[in-house]
N, C-alpha and C. Protein backbone atom coordinates (compact mmCIF):
# COMPACT_ATOMS: atom_id res chain seq x y z
N MET A 1 0.85 -1.18 0.07
CA MET A 1 0.00 -0.04 0.06
C MET A 1 0.84 1.25 0.04
N THR A 2 0.48 2.21 -0.75
CA THR A 2 1.22 3.51 -0.89
C THR A 2 0.96 4.35 0.41
N LYS A 3 1.92 5.20 0.74
CA LYS A 3 1.83 6.12 1.82
C LYS A 3 0.99 7.34 1.47
N PRO A 4 0.35 7.91 2.31
CA PRO A 4 -0.49 9.14 2.05
C PRO A 4 0.50 10.25 1.59
N LEU A 5 0.01 10.96 0.70
CA LEU A 5 0.70 12.19 0.18
C LEU A 5 0.71 13.31 1.28
N LEU A 6 1.85 13.98 1.37
CA LEU A 6 2.01 15.07 2.33
C LEU A 6 1.56 16.45 1.69
N THR A 7 0.95 17.26 2.68
CA THR A 7 0.55 18.60 2.29
C THR A 7 1.74 19.51 2.28
N SER A 8 1.69 20.66 1.76
CA SER A 8 2.85 21.61 1.96
C SER A 8 3.06 21.97 3.36
N ALA A 9 2.09 22.08 4.14
CA ALA A 9 2.25 22.32 5.57
C ALA A 9 3.00 21.20 6.31
N ASP A 10 2.69 19.92 6.02
CA ASP A 10 3.36 18.80 6.55
C ASP A 10 4.77 18.81 6.10
N THR A 11 5.06 19.03 4.83
CA THR A 11 6.35 19.00 4.25
C THR A 11 7.22 20.20 4.95
N GLY A 12 6.56 21.33 5.05
CA GLY A 12 7.25 22.53 5.70
C GLY A 12 7.63 22.14 7.19
N GLN A 13 6.76 21.41 7.89
CA GLN A 13 7.03 21.15 9.30
C GLN A 13 8.17 20.09 9.40
N ILE A 14 8.26 19.16 8.40
CA ILE A 14 9.36 18.20 8.41
C ILE A 14 10.59 18.83 8.11
N LEU A 15 10.60 19.77 7.28
CA LEU A 15 11.86 20.45 6.75
C LEU A 15 12.28 21.75 7.63
N ASN A 16 11.21 22.08 8.51
CA ASN A 16 11.30 23.22 9.35
C ASN A 16 11.50 24.49 8.49
N VAL A 17 10.64 24.62 7.47
CA VAL A 17 10.52 25.85 6.67
C VAL A 17 9.06 26.15 6.47
N SER A 18 8.76 27.31 5.90
CA SER A 18 7.40 27.82 5.72
C SER A 18 6.75 27.12 4.57
N VAL A 19 5.48 27.23 4.45
CA VAL A 19 4.74 26.76 3.33
C VAL A 19 5.19 27.55 2.04
N ALA A 20 5.51 28.77 2.24
CA ALA A 20 6.01 29.57 1.05
C ALA A 20 7.26 29.05 0.48
N VAL A 21 8.16 28.49 1.36
CA VAL A 21 9.47 27.97 0.85
C VAL A 21 9.16 26.66 0.16
N VAL A 22 8.26 25.89 0.70
CA VAL A 22 7.79 24.59 -0.03
C VAL A 22 7.37 24.88 -1.40
N ALA A 23 6.47 25.87 -1.49
CA ALA A 23 5.85 26.24 -2.81
C ALA A 23 6.96 26.65 -3.75
N ARG A 24 7.96 27.47 -3.23
CA ARG A 24 9.08 27.89 -4.15
C ARG A 24 9.92 26.70 -4.57
N MET A 25 10.13 25.77 -3.71
CA MET A 25 10.90 24.58 -4.03
C MET A 25 10.21 23.82 -5.11
N CYS A 26 8.93 23.68 -5.11
CA CYS A 26 8.12 22.99 -6.08
C CYS A 26 8.11 23.80 -7.45
N ARG A 27 8.06 25.00 -7.40
CA ARG A 27 8.06 25.82 -8.64
C ARG A 27 9.38 25.79 -9.28
N ARG A 28 10.47 25.63 -8.70
CA ARG A 28 11.82 25.74 -9.27
C ARG A 28 12.16 24.64 -10.24
N PRO A 29 11.95 23.47 -10.37
CA PRO A 29 11.50 22.44 -9.39
C PRO A 29 12.59 21.74 -8.56
N GLU A 30 12.79 22.06 -7.46
CA GLU A 30 13.72 21.34 -6.56
C GLU A 30 13.17 20.11 -5.95
N LEU A 31 11.86 20.25 -5.68
CA LEU A 31 11.14 19.26 -5.00
C LEU A 31 9.95 18.85 -5.88
N PRO A 32 9.94 17.62 -6.31
CA PRO A 32 8.74 17.17 -7.09
C PRO A 32 7.44 17.15 -6.34
N CYS A 33 6.39 17.59 -6.92
CA CYS A 33 5.04 17.69 -6.22
C CYS A 33 3.95 17.31 -7.23
N ILE A 34 2.84 17.16 -6.74
CA ILE A 34 1.69 16.86 -7.46
C ILE A 34 0.69 18.08 -7.33
N MET A 35 0.38 18.74 -8.39
CA MET A 35 -0.44 19.91 -8.34
C MET A 35 -1.89 19.49 -8.44
N LEU A 36 -2.66 19.72 -7.32
CA LEU A 36 -4.04 19.41 -7.29
C LEU A 36 -4.86 20.62 -7.87
N SER A 37 -4.32 21.78 -7.63
CA SER A 37 -4.90 23.15 -8.02
C SER A 37 -3.70 24.06 -7.93
N PRO A 38 -3.91 25.37 -8.41
CA PRO A 38 -2.78 26.33 -8.30
C PRO A 38 -2.23 26.56 -6.78
N GLN A 39 -3.10 26.26 -5.87
CA GLN A 39 -2.76 26.62 -4.56
C GLN A 39 -2.58 25.24 -3.72
N LYS A 40 -2.96 24.16 -4.24
CA LYS A 40 -2.81 22.90 -3.55
C LYS A 40 -1.82 21.95 -4.10
N ARG A 41 -0.80 21.61 -3.35
CA ARG A 41 0.29 20.77 -3.80
C ARG A 41 0.32 19.59 -2.83
N ARG A 42 0.74 18.44 -3.34
CA ARG A 42 0.98 17.26 -2.45
C ARG A 42 2.32 16.65 -2.85
N ILE A 43 2.99 16.21 -1.78
CA ILE A 43 4.38 15.66 -2.00
C ILE A 43 4.37 14.26 -1.62
N ALA A 44 4.85 13.46 -2.44
CA ALA A 44 5.04 11.96 -2.07
C ALA A 44 6.12 11.83 -1.09
N PRO A 45 5.87 10.99 -0.04
CA PRO A 45 6.97 10.82 1.03
C PRO A 45 8.27 10.35 0.38
N GLU A 46 8.21 9.56 -0.69
CA GLU A 46 9.47 9.03 -1.18
C GLU A 46 10.24 10.08 -2.00
N ASP A 47 9.50 11.09 -2.61
CA ASP A 47 10.16 12.29 -3.13
C ASP A 47 10.81 13.20 -2.12
N LEU A 48 10.10 13.32 -1.03
CA LEU A 48 10.76 14.14 0.07
C LEU A 48 11.88 13.36 0.69
N ASP A 49 11.93 12.09 0.85
CA ASP A 49 13.17 11.32 1.30
C ASP A 49 14.30 11.50 0.32
N ALA A 50 13.90 11.42 -1.05
CA ALA A 50 15.04 11.63 -1.98
C ALA A 50 15.57 12.98 -2.04
N PHE A 51 14.71 14.06 -1.82
CA PHE A 51 15.12 15.38 -1.71
C PHE A 51 16.12 15.59 -0.53
N ILE A 52 15.67 15.02 0.69
CA ILE A 52 16.59 15.23 1.80
C ILE A 52 17.92 14.49 1.56
N ALA A 53 17.86 13.29 1.02
CA ALA A 53 19.14 12.50 0.76
C ALA A 53 20.03 13.31 -0.22
N SER A 54 19.46 13.92 -1.14
CA SER A 54 20.25 14.71 -2.22
C SER A 54 20.94 15.95 -1.59
N ARG A 55 20.41 16.38 -0.46
CA ARG A 55 20.98 17.57 0.24
C ARG A 55 21.98 17.26 1.30
N ARG A 56 22.08 15.97 1.59
CA ARG A 56 23.01 15.57 2.70
C ARG A 56 24.44 15.70 2.34
N ARG A 57 25.24 16.28 3.27
CA ARG A 57 26.60 16.51 3.05
C ARG A 57 27.29 15.64 3.99
N ARG A 58 28.47 15.13 3.53
CA ARG A 58 29.22 14.19 4.50
C ARG A 58 30.59 14.85 4.77
C-alpha cells in the first residue's frame, strides 16, 4: 500500500521551513510535487526522502 501524500504544511514542518518555501521549491522544481490546483500541492513521501538525501553532506 502506498503512503499518504504530504501537504505543503506537513512538508514544511518536516523540513522546518514555511509553506511559502515549500511552494518555491516545487516551482523551481527542486522538490517534485503533485499539483491538485494552483494553490494545492501534495508531496510523495518518497520524493521528500530523495530530496533530503540529495541535500545531505558528508
